[in-house]
Every structure is written in C-alpha cells, then in structure tokens.
C-alpha cells in the first residue's frame, strides 16, 4: 500500500543524474539526504527526488552541492520513500 502527501524539501543535493525514460523523454533524478531516527538513533539516508515533464528543464540546472528547495509529492511504498518534484522554489 502506498501513501502520498505534498511536502516542502530543503536539502543539500548529493548527486544529480539526467536519464531517458522508456518513451525517450528526459527526466532528472536528484539524491538528497533525509534525516531519520529509529529507537532514538539518528541517521541520514539518501532518497531520490525525481523531476518529470515541465520540471525537467529547471532540474537540469541543479548541481551536486546545491540546495534543493522544492514542493514535492512524497510517496512511501513498502518502507521506501521517494519524491516527485511538483515545483522548484527559488
């Protein structure tokens, strides 16, 4: 079962990759670290933030080390979290 909600992400970019989907359209995958805690132990984990369609051009300008500030659709499925960019905020 998957759940979704809109969230504001403000995180340092760890990696950026531009790729092609199966239909030959570009998309951008950004990896940011997200802080989590489990039984009182804090840790960071890399999570993917994807840009599709009209958000691709702005996302292609992002670089490793930049700060990503974006409104995203947060999805969680089988314990894995991912984000889809709805709007990049300057």
C-alpha atoms as a PDB file:
ATOM      1  CA  UNK A   1       0.000   0.000   0.000  1.00  0.00           C
ATOM      2  CA  UNK A   2       1.347   3.446  -0.912  1.00  0.00           C
ATOM      3  CA  UNK A   3       0.675   6.786   0.722  1.00  0.00           C
ATOM      4  CA  UNK A   4       1.305  10.276  -0.693  1.00  0.00           C
ATOM      5  CA  UNK A   5       1.411  13.863   0.554  1.00  0.00           C
ATOM      6  CA  UNK A   6       2.797  17.229  -0.566  1.00  0.00           C
ATOM      7  CA  UNK A   7       5.875  18.433   1.324  1.00  0.00           C
ATOM      8  CA  UNK A   8       8.497  21.182   1.086  1.00  0.00           C
ATOM      9  CA  UNK A   9      12.035  19.841   0.713  1.00  0.00           C
ATOM     10  CA  UNK A  10      15.020  21.987   1.643  1.00  0.00           C
ATOM     11  CA  UNK A  11      18.110  19.775   1.387  1.00  0.00           C
ATOM     12  CA  UNK A  12      21.654  19.654   0.046  1.00  0.00           C
ATOM     13  CA  UNK A  13      21.976  17.744  -3.223  1.00  0.00           C
ATOM     14  CA  UNK A  14      24.265  14.704  -3.042  1.00  0.00           C
ATOM     15  CA  UNK A  15      24.002  13.655  -6.702  1.00  0.00           C
ATOM     16  CA  UNK A  16      22.203  14.598  -9.948  1.00  0.00           C
ATOM     17  CA  UNK A  17      21.611  12.336 -12.948  1.00  0.00           C
ATOM     18  CA  UNK A  18      19.820  13.054 -16.219  1.00  0.00           C
ATOM     19  CA  UNK A  19      18.343   9.993 -17.911  1.00  0.00           C
ATOM     20  CA  UNK A  20      15.833   8.920 -20.552  1.00  0.00           C
ATOM     21  CA  UNK A  21      12.611   7.093 -19.786  1.00  0.00           C
ATOM     22  CA  UNK A  22      11.298   4.197 -21.875  1.00  0.00           C
ATOM     23  CA  UNK A  23       9.471   6.693 -24.129  1.00  0.00           C
ATOM     24  CA  UNK A  24      12.641   8.640 -24.922  1.00  0.00           C
ATOM     25  CA  UNK A  25      11.823  11.631 -22.667  1.00  0.00           C
ATOM     26  CA  UNK A  26      14.368  13.085 -20.276  1.00  0.00           C
ATOM     27  CA  UNK A  27      13.909  13.030 -16.524  1.00  0.00           C
ATOM     28  CA  UNK A  28      16.175  14.099 -13.682  1.00  0.00           C
ATOM     29  CA  UNK A  29      16.993  12.074 -10.575  1.00  0.00           C
ATOM     30  CA  UNK A  30      18.366  14.042  -7.629  1.00  0.00           C
ATOM     31  CA  UNK A  31      19.597  12.353  -4.458  1.00  0.00           C
ATOM     32  CA  UNK A  32      19.275  14.249  -1.161  1.00  0.00           C
ATOM     33  CA  UNK A  33      19.920  13.104   2.386  1.00  0.00           C
ATOM     34  CA  UNK A  34      16.971  12.795   4.724  1.00  0.00           C
ATOM     35  CA  UNK A  35      17.433  12.627   8.466  1.00  0.00           C
ATOM     36  CA  UNK A  36      15.632   9.800  10.234  1.00  0.00           C
ATOM     37  CA  UNK A  37      15.632   8.211  13.628  1.00  0.00           C
ATOM     38  CA  UNK A  38      14.959   4.732  14.852  1.00  0.00           C
ATOM     39  CA  UNK A  39      14.670   3.885  18.534  1.00  0.00           C
ATOM     40  CA  UNK A  40      16.378   7.165  19.455  1.00  0.00           C
ATOM     41  CA  UNK A  41      19.262   6.732  16.981  1.00  0.00           C
ATOM     42  CA  UNK A  42      19.528   9.496  14.350  1.00  0.00           C
ATOM     43  CA  UNK A  43      20.949   8.755  10.913  1.00  0.00           C
ATOM     44  CA  UNK A  44      20.862  10.038   7.325  1.00  0.00           C
ATOM     45  CA  UNK A  45      19.720   8.156   4.265  1.00  0.00           C
ATOM     46  CA  UNK A  46      19.823   9.126   0.576  1.00  0.00           C
ATOM     47  CA  UNK A  47      16.413   9.458  -1.046  1.00  0.00           C
ATOM     48  CA  UNK A  48      15.556  10.012  -4.726  1.00  0.00           C
ATOM     49  CA  UNK A  49      13.797  13.164  -5.864  1.00  0.00           C
ATOM     50  CA  UNK A  50      12.527  12.841  -9.431  1.00  0.00           C
ATOM     51  CA  UNK A  51      11.679  15.576 -11.948  1.00  0.00           C
ATOM     52  CA  UNK A  52       9.442  14.828 -14.914  1.00  0.00           C
ATOM     53  CA  UNK A  53       7.721  16.815 -17.655  1.00  0.00           C
ATOM     54  CA  UNK A  54       7.742  20.595 -17.173  1.00  0.00           C
ATOM     55  CA  UNK A  55      10.080  20.387 -14.152  1.00  0.00           C
ATOM     56  CA  UNK A  56      12.934  18.758 -16.115  1.00  0.00           C
ATOM     57  CA  UNK A  57      14.434  21.974 -17.547  1.00  0.00           C
ATOM     58  CA  UNK A  58      14.757  23.640 -14.122  1.00  0.00           C
ATOM     59  CA  UNK A  59      16.016  20.427 -12.530  1.00  0.00           C
ATOM     60  CA  UNK A  60      18.739  20.018 -15.202  1.00  0.00           C
ATOM     61  CA  UNK A  61      20.348  23.200 -13.835  1.00  0.00           C
ATOM     62  CA  UNK A  62      20.784  21.658 -10.372  1.00  0.00           C
ATOM     63  CA  UNK A  63      24.278  20.582  -9.341  1.00  0.00           C
ATOM     64  CA  UNK A  64      25.810  18.455  -6.599  1.00  0.00           C
ATOM     65  CA  UNK A  65      26.249  20.645  -3.502  1.00  0.00           C
ATOM     66  CA  UNK A  66      23.343  22.977  -4.388  1.00  0.00           C
ATOM     67  CA  UNK A  67      20.432  23.332  -2.007  1.00  0.00           C
ATOM     68  CA  UNK A  68      17.203  21.935  -3.428  1.00  0.00           C
ATOM     69  CA  UNK A  69      14.115  23.812  -2.327  1.00  0.00           C
ATOM     70  CA  UNK A  70      11.029  22.287  -3.911  1.00  0.00           C
ATOM     71  CA  UNK A  71       7.436  21.340  -3.311  1.00  0.00           C
ATOM     72  CA  UNK A  72       7.271  17.600  -3.828  1.00  0.00           C
ATOM     73  CA  UNK A  73       4.857  14.718  -3.760  1.00  0.00           C
ATOM     74  CA  UNK A  74       6.187  12.368  -1.059  1.00  0.00           C
ATOM     75  CA  UNK A  75       5.427   8.703  -1.611  1.00  0.00           C
ATOM     76  CA  UNK A  76       6.101   5.765   0.620  1.00  0.00           C
ATOM     77  CA  UNK A  77       5.700   2.218  -0.573  1.00  0.00           C
ATOM     78  CA  UNK A  78       6.904  -0.871   1.262  1.00  0.00           C
ATOM     79  CA  UNK A  79       9.024   1.288   3.590  1.00  0.00           C
ATOM     80  CA  UNK A  80      10.818   3.112   0.725  1.00  0.00           C
ATOM     81  CA  UNK A  81      10.404   6.887   0.396  1.00  0.00           C
ATOM     82  CA  UNK A  82      10.663   8.810  -2.878  1.00  0.00           C
ATOM     83  CA  UNK A  83       9.727  12.294  -4.017  1.00  0.00           C
ATOM     84  CA  UNK A  84       8.450  13.771  -7.268  1.00  0.00           C
ATOM     85  CA  UNK A  85       9.060  17.478  -7.826  1.00  0.00           C
ATOM     86  CA  UNK A  86       5.902  19.490  -8.342  1.00  0.00           C
ATOM     87  CA  UNK A  87       7.583  22.912  -8.305  1.00  0.00           C
ATOM     88  CA  UNK A  88      11.157  24.091  -7.742  1.00  0.00           C
ATOM     89  CA  UNK A  89      11.201  27.126  -5.458  1.00  0.00           C
ATOM     90  CA  UNK A  90      14.000  29.694  -5.730  1.00  0.00           C
END
